[in-house]
């Protein structure tokens, strides 16, 4: 069984380093719900490219410092 691709992120760490920004603060800045930020942080939801860029912009970081694409195992058994 192949392992699925996934997107990991550093949002929680970046929020902490940004004067302990709350999930709600970030949500308001990028115009989504707090629940969306929670789901993204927990890697239960992959943001759209547009939302990913907005989040990176809030932290003044390049996209690849906020999000990492982890390819799945493409080998089939």
N, C-alpha and C. Protein backbone atom coordinates (compact mmCIF):
# COMPACT_ATOMS: atom_id res chain seq x y z
N UNK A 1 0.85 -1.19 0.00
CA UNK A 1 0.00 0.00 0.00
C UNK A 1 0.89 1.25 0.00
N UNK A 2 0.64 2.16 -0.91
CA UNK A 2 1.46 3.36 -1.04
C UNK A 2 1.09 4.38 0.04
N UNK A 3 2.10 5.06 0.52
CA UNK A 3 1.89 6.14 1.48
C UNK A 3 1.55 7.40 0.69
N UNK A 4 0.55 8.15 1.15
CA UNK A 4 0.11 9.35 0.44
C UNK A 4 1.07 10.52 0.63
N UNK A 5 1.09 11.39 -0.37
CA UNK A 5 1.83 12.65 -0.26
C UNK A 5 1.18 13.47 0.86
N UNK A 6 1.98 14.32 1.49
CA UNK A 6 1.41 15.18 2.52
C UNK A 6 2.14 16.52 2.56
N UNK A 7 1.50 17.48 3.17
CA UNK A 7 2.10 18.80 3.34
C UNK A 7 2.23 19.03 4.84
N UNK A 8 3.46 19.28 5.27
CA UNK A 8 3.72 19.62 6.66
C UNK A 8 3.96 21.11 6.74
N UNK A 9 3.90 21.65 7.96
CA UNK A 9 4.09 23.10 8.10
C UNK A 9 4.73 23.46 9.44
N UNK A 10 5.18 24.69 9.51
CA UNK A 10 5.80 25.25 10.72
C UNK A 10 4.96 26.37 11.30
N UNK A 11 3.67 26.37 11.05
CA UNK A 11 2.82 27.49 11.46
C UNK A 11 2.83 27.70 12.97
N UNK A 12 2.69 26.63 13.72
CA UNK A 12 2.63 26.77 15.19
C UNK A 12 3.91 27.44 15.71
N UNK A 13 5.05 26.99 15.24
CA UNK A 13 6.34 27.58 15.65
C UNK A 13 6.42 29.04 15.23
N UNK A 14 6.01 29.33 14.01
CA UNK A 14 6.06 30.70 13.51
C UNK A 14 5.12 31.61 14.30
N UNK A 15 3.96 31.10 14.67
CA UNK A 15 3.03 31.90 15.49
C UNK A 15 3.67 32.23 16.83
N UNK A 16 4.31 31.23 17.44
CA UNK A 16 4.96 31.43 18.74
C UNK A 16 6.05 32.50 18.63
N UNK A 17 6.84 32.42 17.55
CA UNK A 17 7.93 33.37 17.35
C UNK A 17 7.42 34.76 16.99
N UNK A 18 6.18 34.85 16.53
CA UNK A 18 5.58 36.14 16.17
C UNK A 18 4.77 36.67 17.35
N UNK A 19 5.47 36.85 18.47
CA UNK A 19 4.84 37.38 19.68
C UNK A 19 3.63 36.56 20.11
N UNK A 20 3.77 35.25 19.97
CA UNK A 20 2.72 34.30 20.37
C UNK A 20 1.36 34.63 19.74
N UNK A 21 1.39 34.86 18.44
CA UNK A 21 0.17 35.12 17.68
C UNK A 21 -0.81 33.96 17.89
N UNK A 22 -2.05 34.26 18.10
CA UNK A 22 -3.05 33.21 18.28
C UNK A 22 -3.52 32.68 16.93
N UNK A 23 -4.15 31.54 16.96
CA UNK A 23 -4.74 30.98 15.74
C UNK A 23 -5.79 31.94 15.19
N UNK A 24 -6.53 32.56 16.08
CA UNK A 24 -7.57 33.51 15.65
C UNK A 24 -6.94 34.73 14.99
N UNK A 25 -5.84 35.23 15.54
CA UNK A 25 -5.15 36.37 14.93
C UNK A 25 -4.74 36.04 13.50
N UNK A 26 -4.14 34.87 13.32
CA UNK A 26 -3.71 34.46 11.98
C UNK A 26 -4.91 34.29 11.06
N UNK A 27 -5.95 33.66 11.57
CA UNK A 27 -7.16 33.45 10.77
C UNK A 27 -7.73 34.79 10.27
N UNK A 28 -7.77 35.77 11.14
CA UNK A 28 -8.29 37.08 10.75
C UNK A 28 -7.41 37.74 9.69
N UNK A 29 -6.10 37.59 9.81
CA UNK A 29 -5.18 38.20 8.86
C UNK A 29 -5.32 37.60 7.45
N UNK A 30 -5.62 36.29 7.38
CA UNK A 30 -5.73 35.64 6.07
C UNK A 30 -7.18 35.37 5.65
N UNK A 31 -8.11 35.85 6.48
CA UNK A 31 -9.55 35.81 6.18
C UNK A 31 -10.11 34.38 6.02
N UNK A 32 -9.78 33.54 7.02
CA UNK A 32 -10.37 32.20 7.11
C UNK A 32 -10.82 32.00 8.55
N UNK A 33 -11.47 30.88 8.83
CA UNK A 33 -11.89 30.60 10.20
C UNK A 33 -10.73 30.06 11.03
N UNK A 34 -10.85 30.19 12.34
CA UNK A 34 -9.84 29.63 13.23
C UNK A 34 -9.75 28.13 13.03
N UNK A 35 -10.89 27.48 12.78
CA UNK A 35 -10.91 26.03 12.57
C UNK A 35 -10.07 25.63 11.35
N UNK A 36 -10.05 26.48 10.33
CA UNK A 36 -9.22 26.20 9.15
C UNK A 36 -7.75 26.22 9.54
N UNK A 37 -7.35 27.20 10.34
CA UNK A 37 -5.95 27.28 10.79
C UNK A 37 -5.60 26.06 11.63
N UNK A 38 -6.50 25.65 12.52
CA UNK A 38 -6.27 24.46 13.34
C UNK A 38 -6.04 23.24 12.45
N UNK A 39 -6.89 23.06 11.46
CA UNK A 39 -6.79 21.90 10.56
C UNK A 39 -5.49 21.93 9.76
N UNK A 40 -5.08 23.11 9.30
CA UNK A 40 -3.84 23.22 8.55
C UNK A 40 -2.65 22.90 9.46
N UNK A 41 -2.64 23.46 10.66
CA UNK A 41 -1.55 23.20 11.61
C UNK A 41 -1.40 21.72 11.91
N UNK A 42 -2.51 21.03 12.01
CA UNK A 42 -2.49 19.59 12.33
C UNK A 42 -2.29 18.72 11.10
N UNK A 43 -2.05 19.35 9.96
CA UNK A 43 -1.87 18.65 8.67
C UNK A 43 -3.08 17.78 8.31
N UNK A 44 -4.26 18.20 8.75
CA UNK A 44 -5.49 17.50 8.39
C UNK A 44 -6.13 18.13 7.16
N UNK A 45 -5.63 19.29 6.77
CA UNK A 45 -6.16 20.01 5.63
C UNK A 45 -5.00 20.70 4.92
N UNK A 46 -4.92 20.57 3.61
CA UNK A 46 -3.90 21.25 2.82
C UNK A 46 -4.50 22.53 2.27
N UNK A 47 -3.87 23.66 2.55
CA UNK A 47 -4.43 24.93 2.07
C UNK A 47 -4.29 25.08 0.57
N UNK A 48 -5.13 25.93 0.01
CA UNK A 48 -4.97 26.28 -1.41
C UNK A 48 -3.63 26.99 -1.55
N UNK A 49 -3.14 27.06 -2.76
CA UNK A 49 -1.88 27.76 -3.01
C UNK A 49 -2.00 29.23 -2.60
N UNK A 50 -3.13 29.82 -2.91
CA UNK A 50 -3.36 31.23 -2.55
C UNK A 50 -3.29 31.42 -1.03
N UNK A 51 -3.96 30.55 -0.28
CA UNK A 51 -3.95 30.66 1.18
C UNK A 51 -2.55 30.39 1.73
N UNK A 52 -1.85 29.44 1.17
CA UNK A 52 -0.48 29.15 1.62
C UNK A 52 0.41 30.39 1.44
N UNK A 53 0.30 31.07 0.30
CA UNK A 53 1.09 32.29 0.09
C UNK A 53 0.69 33.39 1.07
N UNK A 54 -0.61 33.52 1.36
CA UNK A 54 -1.07 34.53 2.31
C UNK A 54 -0.48 34.27 3.70
N UNK A 55 -0.49 33.01 4.12
CA UNK A 55 0.07 32.66 5.43
C UNK A 55 1.56 32.96 5.47
N UNK A 56 2.28 32.59 4.43
CA UNK A 56 3.72 32.87 4.38
C UNK A 56 3.98 34.37 4.44
N UNK A 57 3.15 35.14 3.76
CA UNK A 57 3.32 36.60 3.75
C UNK A 57 3.12 37.19 5.14
N UNK A 58 2.17 36.67 5.90
CA UNK A 58 1.95 37.16 7.27
C UNK A 58 3.24 37.03 8.09
N UNK A 59 3.94 35.92 7.91
CA UNK A 59 5.16 35.67 8.67
C UNK A 59 6.41 36.23 7.99
N UNK A 60 6.22 36.84 6.80
CA UNK A 60 7.33 37.40 6.02
C UNK A 60 8.41 36.34 5.77
N UNK A 61 7.94 35.15 5.36
CA UNK A 61 8.82 34.01 5.07
C UNK A 61 8.52 33.49 3.68
N UNK A 62 9.52 32.90 3.02
CA UNK A 62 9.24 32.24 1.75
C UNK A 62 8.33 31.02 2.00
N UNK A 63 7.56 30.69 1.01
CA UNK A 63 6.60 29.59 1.13
C UNK A 63 7.25 28.31 1.66
N UNK A 64 8.44 27.98 1.16
CA UNK A 64 9.09 26.72 1.55
C UNK A 64 9.60 26.72 3.00
N UNK A 65 9.62 27.89 3.66
CA UNK A 65 9.97 27.92 5.08
C UNK A 65 8.74 27.70 5.96
N UNK A 66 7.57 27.82 5.36
CA UNK A 66 6.33 27.62 6.11
C UNK A 66 5.75 26.24 5.83
N UNK A 67 5.77 25.83 4.57
CA UNK A 67 5.19 24.55 4.15
C UNK A 67 6.24 23.67 3.48
N UNK A 68 6.15 22.37 3.73
CA UNK A 68 7.03 21.41 3.09
C UNK A 68 6.18 20.30 2.48
N UNK A 69 6.47 19.97 1.23
CA UNK A 69 5.79 18.88 0.55
C UNK A 69 6.58 17.61 0.80
N UNK A 70 5.93 16.61 1.38
CA UNK A 70 6.56 15.33 1.67
C UNK A 70 5.96 14.29 0.74
N UNK A 71 6.74 13.86 -0.28
CA UNK A 71 6.19 12.87 -1.22
C UNK A 71 5.98 11.54 -0.54
N UNK A 72 4.92 10.87 -0.94
CA UNK A 72 4.63 9.54 -0.42
C UNK A 72 5.51 8.50 -1.04
N UNK A 73 5.40 7.31 -0.55
CA UNK A 73 6.14 6.17 -1.09
C UNK A 73 5.42 5.73 -2.36
N UNK A 74 6.08 5.83 -3.49
CA UNK A 74 5.42 5.48 -4.75
C UNK A 74 5.60 4.01 -5.12
N UNK A 75 6.27 3.24 -4.27
CA UNK A 75 6.46 1.83 -4.55
C UNK A 75 5.17 1.06 -4.31
N UNK A 76 4.85 0.16 -5.20
CA UNK A 76 3.65 -0.67 -5.03
C UNK A 76 4.08 -2.07 -4.62
N UNK A 77 3.35 -2.62 -3.68
CA UNK A 77 3.67 -3.98 -3.21
C UNK A 77 2.79 -4.99 -3.91
